[in-house]
PDB file of all heavy atoms in Angstrom:
ATOM      1  N   PRO A   1      25.743  23.654  10.529  1.00  0.00           N
ATOM      2  CA  PRO A   1      25.869  23.551  11.961  1.00  0.00           C
ATOM      3  C   PRO A   1      24.557  23.317  12.723  1.00  0.00           C
ATOM      4  O   PRO A   1      24.488  22.588  13.676  1.00  0.00           O
ATOM      5  CB  PRO A   1      26.529  24.869  12.397  1.00  0.00           C
ATOM      6  CG  PRO A   1      27.253  25.326  11.186  1.00  0.00           C
ATOM      7  CD  PRO A   1      26.363  24.837  10.030  1.00  0.00           C
ATOM      8  N   VAL A   2      23.534  23.966  12.191  1.00  0.00           N
ATOM      9  CA  VAL A   2      22.200  23.810  12.848  1.00  0.00           C
ATOM     10  C   VAL A   2      21.748  22.358  12.799  1.00  0.00           C
ATOM     11  O   VAL A   2      21.280  21.777  13.789  1.00  0.00           O
ATOM     12  CB  VAL A   2      21.140  24.726  12.178  1.00  0.00           C
ATOM     13  CG1 VAL A   2      19.804  24.406  12.753  1.00  0.00           C
ATOM     14  CG2 VAL A   2      21.541  26.129  12.396  1.00  0.00           C
ATOM     15  N   LYS A   3      21.857  21.707  11.563  1.00  0.00           N
ATOM     16  CA  LYS A   3      21.452  20.350  11.405  1.00  0.00           C
ATOM     17  C   LYS A   3      22.264  19.415  12.271  1.00  0.00           C
ATOM     18  O   LYS A   3      21.754  18.506  12.952  1.00  0.00           O
ATOM     19  CB  LYS A   3      21.523  19.937   9.967  1.00  0.00           C
ATOM     20  CG  LYS A   3      20.998  18.568   9.680  1.00  0.00           C
ATOM     21  CD  LYS A   3      19.560  18.530   9.887  1.00  0.00           C
ATOM     22  CE  LYS A   3      18.826  19.435   9.000  1.00  0.00           C
ATOM     23  NZ  LYS A   3      19.040  19.127   7.593  1.00  0.00           N
ATOM     24  N   ALA A   4      23.615  19.656  12.311  1.00  0.00           N
ATOM     25  CA  ALA A   4      24.515  18.829  13.094  1.00  0.00           C
ATOM     26  C   ALA A   4      24.157  18.854  14.598  1.00  0.00           C
ATOM     27  O   ALA A   4      24.127  17.896  15.291  1.00  0.00           O
ATOM     28  CB  ALA A   4      25.945  19.188  12.883  1.00  0.00           C
ATOM     29  N   LYS A   5      23.849  20.126  15.063  1.00  0.00           N
ATOM     30  CA  LYS A   5      23.482  20.269  16.442  1.00  0.00           C
ATOM     31  C   LYS A   5      22.219  19.510  16.755  1.00  0.00           C
ATOM     32  O   LYS A   5      22.112  18.862  17.854  1.00  0.00           O
ATOM     33  CB  LYS A   5      23.354  21.757  16.728  1.00  0.00           C
ATOM     34  CG  LYS A   5      23.079  22.031  18.262  1.00  0.00           C
ATOM     35  CD  LYS A   5      23.085  23.512  18.482  1.00  0.00           C
ATOM     36  CE  LYS A   5      22.842  23.836  19.912  1.00  0.00           C
ATOM     37  NZ  LYS A   5      22.737  25.256  20.199  1.00  0.00           N
ATOM     38  N   LYS A   6      21.283  19.583  15.876  1.00  0.00           N
ATOM     39  CA  LYS A   6      20.041  18.866  16.145  1.00  0.00           C
ATOM     40  C   LYS A   6      20.219  17.357  16.179  1.00  0.00           C
ATOM     41  O   LYS A   6      19.620  16.725  17.001  1.00  0.00           O
ATOM     42  CB  LYS A   6      18.994  19.209  15.043  1.00  0.00           C
ATOM     43  CG  LYS A   6      18.482  20.688  15.078  1.00  0.00           C
ATOM     44  CD  LYS A   6      17.531  20.856  16.279  1.00  0.00           C
ATOM     45  CE  LYS A   6      16.902  22.260  16.269  1.00  0.00           C
ATOM     46  NZ  LYS A   6      15.935  22.430  17.409  1.00  0.00           N
ATOM     47  N   GLN A   7      21.061  16.875  15.255  1.00  0.00           N
ATOM     48  CA  GLN A   7      21.192  15.457  15.208  1.00  0.00           C
ATOM     49  C   GLN A   7      22.013  14.943  16.418  1.00  0.00           C
ATOM     50  O   GLN A   7      21.754  13.814  16.861  1.00  0.00           O
ATOM     51  CB  GLN A   7      21.963  15.084  13.892  1.00  0.00           C
ATOM     52  CG  GLN A   7      21.087  15.320  12.667  1.00  0.00           C
ATOM     53  CD  GLN A   7      21.838  14.997  11.383  1.00  0.00           C
ATOM     54  OE1 GLN A   7      23.046  14.871  11.392  1.00  0.00           O
ATOM     55  NE2 GLN A   7      21.124  14.944  10.314  1.00  0.00           N
ATOM     56  N   LYS A   8      22.901  15.719  16.923  1.00  0.00           N
ATOM     57  CA  LYS A   8      23.683  15.234  18.140  1.00  0.00           C
ATOM     58  C   LYS A   8      22.736  15.093  19.341  1.00  0.00           C
ATOM     59  O   LYS A   8      22.968  14.357  20.214  1.00  0.00           O
ATOM     60  CB  LYS A   8      24.728  16.281  18.402  1.00  0.00           C
ATOM     61  CG  LYS A   8      25.948  16.171  17.470  1.00  0.00           C
ATOM     62  CD  LYS A   8      27.001  17.265  17.794  1.00  0.00           C
ATOM     63  CE  LYS A   8      28.109  17.181  16.813  1.00  0.00           C
ATOM     64  NZ  LYS A   8      29.171  18.188  17.141  1.00  0.00           N
ATOM     65  N   ARG A   9      21.677  15.910  19.401  1.00  0.00           N
ATOM     66  CA  ARG A   9      20.792  15.854  20.506  1.00  0.00           C
ATOM     67  C   ARG A   9      19.814  14.754  20.428  1.00  0.00           C
ATOM     68  O   ARG A   9      18.969  14.501  21.375  1.00  0.00           O
ATOM     69  CB  ARG A   9      20.094  17.224  20.688  1.00  0.00           C
ATOM     70  CG  ARG A   9      21.079  18.343  21.040  1.00  0.00           C
ATOM     71  CD  ARG A   9      20.379  19.703  21.074  1.00  0.00           C
ATOM     72  NE  ARG A   9      19.283  19.659  22.071  1.00  0.00           N
ATOM     73  CZ  ARG A   9      18.430  20.700  22.187  1.00  0.00           C
ATOM     74  NH1 ARG A   9      18.474  21.747  21.431  1.00  0.00           N
ATOM     75  NH2 ARG A   9      17.475  20.632  23.078  1.00  0.00           N
ATOM     76  N   VAL A  10      19.713  14.011  19.264  1.00  0.00           N
ATOM     77  CA  VAL A  10      18.729  13.024  19.111  1.00  0.00           C
ATOM     78  C   VAL A  10      19.402  11.728  18.826  1.00  0.00           C
ATOM     79  O   VAL A  10      20.219  11.585  17.901  1.00  0.00           O
ATOM     80  CB  VAL A  10      17.752  13.318  17.920  1.00  0.00           C
ATOM     81  CG1 VAL A  10      16.790  12.188  17.794  1.00  0.00           C
ATOM     82  CG2 VAL A  10      17.045  14.621  18.212  1.00  0.00           C
ATOM     83  N   SER A  11      19.181  10.765  19.647  1.00  0.00           N
ATOM     84  CA  SER A  11      19.812   9.433  19.418  1.00  0.00           C
ATOM     85  C   SER A  11      18.735   8.456  19.079  1.00  0.00           C
ATOM     86  O   SER A  11      17.576   8.598  19.541  1.00  0.00           O
ATOM     87  CB  SER A  11      20.545   8.976  20.692  1.00  0.00           C
ATOM     88  OG  SER A  11      19.669   8.857  21.780  1.00  0.00           O
ATOM     89  N   GLY A  12      19.064   7.498  18.248  1.00  0.00           N
ATOM     90  CA  GLY A  12      18.041   6.500  17.869  1.00  0.00           C
ATOM     91  C   GLY A  12      18.151   6.152  16.451  1.00  0.00           C
ATOM     92  O   GLY A  12      19.216   6.235  15.855  1.00  0.00           O
ATOM     93  N   SER A  13      17.043   5.780  15.879  1.00  0.00           N
ATOM     94  CA  SER A  13      17.090   5.177  14.544  1.00  0.00           C
ATOM     95  C   SER A  13      17.218   6.292  13.469  1.00  0.00           C
ATOM     96  O   SER A  13      17.038   7.488  13.744  1.00  0.00           O
ATOM     97  CB  SER A  13      15.729   4.517  14.272  1.00  0.00           C
ATOM     98  OG  SER A  13      14.718   5.468  14.252  1.00  0.00           O
ATOM     99  N   PRO A  14      17.536   5.995  12.256  1.00  0.00           N
ATOM    100  CA  PRO A  14      17.635   6.986  11.193  1.00  0.00           C
ATOM    101  C   PRO A  14      16.301   7.658  10.927  1.00  0.00           C
ATOM    102  O   PRO A  14      16.223   8.807  10.559  1.00  0.00           O
ATOM    103  CB  PRO A  14      18.046   6.109   9.969  1.00  0.00           C
ATOM    104  CG  PRO A  14      18.702   4.907  10.557  1.00  0.00           C
ATOM    105  CD  PRO A  14      18.061   4.677  11.869  1.00  0.00           C
ATOM    106  N   ASP A  15      15.149   6.975  11.225  1.00  0.00           N
ATOM    107  CA  ASP A  15      13.852   7.590  11.044  1.00  0.00           C
ATOM    108  C   ASP A  15      13.734   8.735  12.015  1.00  0.00           C
ATOM    109  O   ASP A  15      13.106   9.784  11.670  1.00  0.00           O
ATOM    110  CB  ASP A  15      12.767   6.595  11.358  1.00  0.00           C
ATOM    111  CG  ASP A  15      12.638   5.514  10.266  1.00  0.00           C
ATOM    112  OD1 ASP A  15      13.222   5.858   9.131  1.00  0.00           O
ATOM    113  OD2 ASP A  15      12.116   4.435  10.516  1.00  0.00           O
ATOM    114  N   GLN A  16      14.227   8.655  13.228  1.00  0.00           N
ATOM    115  CA  GLN A  16      14.175   9.753  14.137  1.00  0.00           C
ATOM    116  C   GLN A  16      14.958  10.940  13.686  1.00  0.00           C
ATOM    117  O   GLN A  16      14.509  12.079  13.813  1.00  0.00           O
ATOM    118  CB  GLN A  16      14.659   9.292  15.603  1.00  0.00           C
ATOM    119  CG  GLN A  16      13.660   8.333  16.258  1.00  0.00           C
ATOM    120  CD  GLN A  16      14.245   7.784  17.514  1.00  0.00           C
ATOM    121  OE1 GLN A  16      15.392   7.388  17.602  1.00  0.00           O
ATOM    122  NE2 GLN A  16      13.485   7.892  18.590  1.00  0.00           N
ATOM    123  N   GLU A  17      16.179  10.650  13.147  1.00  0.00           N
ATOM    124  CA  GLU A  17      16.952  11.777  12.666  1.00  0.00           C
ATOM    125  C   GLU A  17      16.285  12.446  11.485  1.00  0.00           C
ATOM    126  O   GLU A  17      16.356  13.619  11.279  1.00  0.00           O
ATOM    127  CB  GLU A  17      18.308  11.204  12.204  1.00  0.00           C
ATOM    128  CG  GLU A  17      19.159  10.766  13.452  1.00  0.00           C
ATOM    129  CD  GLU A  17      20.592  10.371  13.004  1.00  0.00           C
ATOM    130  OE1 GLU A  17      20.912  10.535  11.842  1.00  0.00           O
ATOM    131  OE2 GLU A  17      21.395   9.991  13.898  1.00  0.00           O
ATOM    132  N   ALA A  18      15.678  11.615  10.626  1.00  0.00           N
ATOM    133  CA  ALA A  18      14.964  12.227   9.478  1.00  0.00           C
ATOM    134  C   ALA A  18      13.870  13.162   9.932  1.00  0.00           C
ATOM    135  O   ALA A  18      13.547  14.137   9.320  1.00  0.00           O
ATOM    136  CB  ALA A  18      14.367  11.054   8.630  1.00  0.00           C
ATOM    137  N   SER A  19      13.155  12.828  11.004  1.00  0.00           N
ATOM    138  CA  SER A  19      12.073  13.663  11.485  1.00  0.00           C
ATOM    139  C   SER A  19      12.586  14.947  11.973  1.00  0.00           C
ATOM    140  O   SER A  19      11.949  16.031  11.843  1.00  0.00           O
ATOM    141  CB  SER A  19      11.299  12.937  12.628  1.00  0.00           C
ATOM    142  OG  SER A  19      12.086  12.774  13.757  1.00  0.00           O
ATOM    143  N   VAL A  20      13.809  15.012  12.600  1.00  0.00           N
ATOM    144  CA  VAL A  20      14.395  16.209  13.000  1.00  0.00           C
ATOM    145  C   VAL A  20      14.723  17.102  11.785  1.00  0.00           C
ATOM    146  O   VAL A  20      14.428  18.364  11.751  1.00  0.00           O
ATOM    147  CB  VAL A  20      15.674  15.970  13.840  1.00  0.00           C
ATOM    148  CG1 VAL A  20      16.375  17.270  14.127  1.00  0.00           C
ATOM    149  CG2 VAL A  20      15.340  15.198  15.089  1.00  0.00           C
ATOM    150  N   GLU A  21      15.216  16.474  10.684  1.00  0.00           N
ATOM    151  CA  GLU A  21      15.594  17.219   9.505  1.00  0.00           C
ATOM    152  C   GLU A  21      14.318  17.869   8.920  1.00  0.00           C
ATOM    153  O   GLU A  21      14.333  19.021   8.456  1.00  0.00           O
ATOM    154  CB  GLU A  21      16.250  16.354   8.478  1.00  0.00           C
ATOM    155  CG  GLU A  21      17.595  15.830   8.908  1.00  0.00           C
ATOM    156  CD  GLU A  21      18.228  14.957   7.880  1.00  0.00           C
ATOM    157  OE1 GLU A  21      17.606  14.811   6.762  1.00  0.00           O
ATOM    158  OE2 GLU A  21      19.328  14.371   8.126  1.00  0.00           O
ATOM    159  N   LEU A  22      13.222  17.193   8.997  1.00  0.00           N
ATOM    160  CA  LEU A  22      11.947  17.733   8.444  1.00  0.00           C
ATOM    161  C   LEU A  22      11.548  18.965   9.219  1.00  0.00           C
ATOM    162  O   LEU A  22      11.109  19.956   8.643  1.00  0.00           O
ATOM    163  CB  LEU A  22      10.866  16.663   8.502  1.00  0.00           C
ATOM    164  CG  LEU A  22       9.452  17.036   8.020  1.00  0.00           C
ATOM    165  CD1 LEU A  22       9.566  17.528   6.552  1.00  0.00           C
ATOM    166  CD2 LEU A  22       8.464  15.926   8.184  1.00  0.00           C
ATOM    167  N   VAL A  23      11.642  18.945  10.547  1.00  0.00           N
ATOM    168  CA  VAL A  23      11.250  20.109  11.366  1.00  0.00           C
ATOM    169  C   VAL A  23      12.136  21.295  11.056  1.00  0.00           C
ATOM    170  O   VAL A  23      11.641  22.405  10.925  1.00  0.00           O
ATOM    171  CB  VAL A  23      11.371  19.766  12.891  1.00  0.00           C
ATOM    172  CG1 VAL A  23      11.161  20.988  13.721  1.00  0.00           C
ATOM    173  CG2 VAL A  23      10.349  18.667  13.218  1.00  0.00           C
ATOM    174  N   VAL A  24      13.438  21.108  10.881  1.00  0.00           N
ATOM    175  CA  VAL A  24      14.361  22.164  10.594  1.00  0.00           C
ATOM    176  C   VAL A  24      13.995  22.830   9.261  1.00  0.00           C
ATOM    177  O   VAL A  24      14.156  24.040   9.121  1.00  0.00           O
ATOM    178  CB  VAL A  24      15.811  21.642  10.530  1.00  0.00           C
ATOM    179  CG1 VAL A  24      16.717  22.783  10.108  1.00  0.00           C
ATOM    180  CG2 VAL A  24      16.182  21.156  11.999  1.00  0.00           C
ATOM    181  N   GLY A  25      13.515  22.107   8.322  1.00  0.00           N
ATOM    182  CA  GLY A  25      13.268  22.643   6.971  1.00  0.00           C
ATOM    183  C   GLY A  25      11.886  23.187   6.818  1.00  0.00           C
ATOM    184  O   GLY A  25      11.539  23.613   5.696  1.00  0.00           O
ATOM    185  N   LEU A  26      11.036  23.329   7.811  1.00  0.00           N
ATOM    186  CA  LEU A  26       9.724  23.860   7.665  1.00  0.00           C
ATOM    187  C   LEU A  26       9.724  25.325   7.307  1.00  0.00           C
ATOM    188  O   LEU A  26      10.635  26.095   7.714  1.00  0.00           O
ATOM    189  CB  LEU A  26       8.853  23.631   8.948  1.00  0.00           C
ATOM    190  CG  LEU A  26       8.438  22.217   9.286  1.00  0.00           C
ATOM    191  CD1 LEU A  26       7.758  22.233  10.648  1.00  0.00           C
ATOM    192  CD2 LEU A  26       7.522  21.679   8.154  1.00  0.00           C
ATOM    193  N   GLU A  27       8.647  25.791   6.619  1.00  0.00           N
ATOM    194  CA  GLU A  27       8.517  27.226   6.304  1.00  0.00           C
ATOM    195  C   GLU A  27       8.271  27.946   7.582  1.00  0.00           C
ATOM    196  O   GLU A  27       7.640  27.470   8.522  1.00  0.00           O
ATOM    197  CB  GLU A  27       7.274  27.373   5.307  1.00  0.00           C
ATOM    198  CG  GLU A  27       7.583  26.979   3.906  1.00  0.00           C
ATOM    199  CD  GLU A  27       8.453  27.959   3.242  1.00  0.00           C
ATOM    200  OE1 GLU A  27       8.257  29.192   3.383  1.00  0.00           O
ATOM    201  OE2 GLU A  27       9.366  27.522   2.518  1.00  0.00           O
ATOM    202  N   PRO A  28       8.717  29.222   7.706  1.00  0.00           N
ATOM    203  CA  PRO A  28       8.509  29.983   8.913  1.00  0.00           C
ATOM    204  C   PRO A  28       7.023  30.281   9.078  1.00  0.00           C
ATOM    205  O   PRO A  28       6.249  30.423   8.152  1.00  0.00           O
ATOM    206  CB  PRO A  28       9.304  31.236   8.649  1.00  0.00           C
ATOM    207  CG  PRO A  28       9.400  31.408   7.190  1.00  0.00           C
ATOM    208  CD  PRO A  28       9.478  30.009   6.681  1.00  0.00           C
ATOM    209  N   SER A  29       6.624  30.462  10.313  1.00  0.00           N
ATOM    210  CA  SER A  29       5.212  30.837  10.568  1.00  0.00           C
ATOM    211  C   SER A  29       4.915  32.296  10.252  1.00  0.00           C
ATOM    212  O   SER A  29       5.849  33.018   9.900  1.00  0.00           O
ATOM    213  CB  SER A  29       4.909  30.632  12.065  1.00  0.00           C
ATOM    214  OG  SER A  29       5.716  31.538  12.857  1.00  0.00           O
ATOM    215  N   ARG A  30       3.654  32.721  10.383  1.00  0.00           N
ATOM    216  CA  ARG A  30       3.343  34.089  10.068  1.00  0.00           C
ATOM    217  C   ARG A  30       4.054  35.018  11.025  1.00  0.00           C
ATOM    218  O   ARG A  30       4.573  36.104  10.592  1.00  0.00           O
ATOM    219  CB  ARG A  30       1.787  34.307  10.261  1.00  0.00           C
ATOM    220  CG  ARG A  30       1.386  35.739  10.037  1.00  0.00           C
ATOM    221  CD  ARG A  30      -0.134  35.889  10.063  1.00  0.00           C
ATOM    222  NE  ARG A  30      -0.505  37.273  10.053  1.00  0.00           N
ATOM    223  CZ  ARG A  30      -0.498  38.080   9.033  1.00  0.00           C
ATOM    224  NH1 ARG A  30      -0.099  37.562   7.828  1.00  0.00           N
ATOM    225  NH2 ARG A  30      -0.888  39.274   9.113  1.00  0.00           N
ATOM    226  N   SER A  31       4.224  34.675  12.295  1.00  0.00           N
ATOM    227  CA  SER A  31       4.978  35.500  13.217  1.00  0.00           C
ATOM    228  C   SER A  31       6.430  35.659  12.779  1.00  0.00           C
ATOM    229  O   SER A  31       6.976  36.720  12.928  1.00  0.00           O
ATOM    230  CB  SER A  31       4.882  35.014  14.622  1.00  0.00           C
ATOM    231  OG  SER A  31       5.468  33.696  14.709  1.00  0.00           O
TER     232      SER A  31
END
């Protein structure tokens, strides 16, 4: 659901959607 929500909010090319997926998969920060 998190990925689907992110993708719905971004319209454009497949490259843009791929960049959103990359952000979602990042390791958590120290905080």
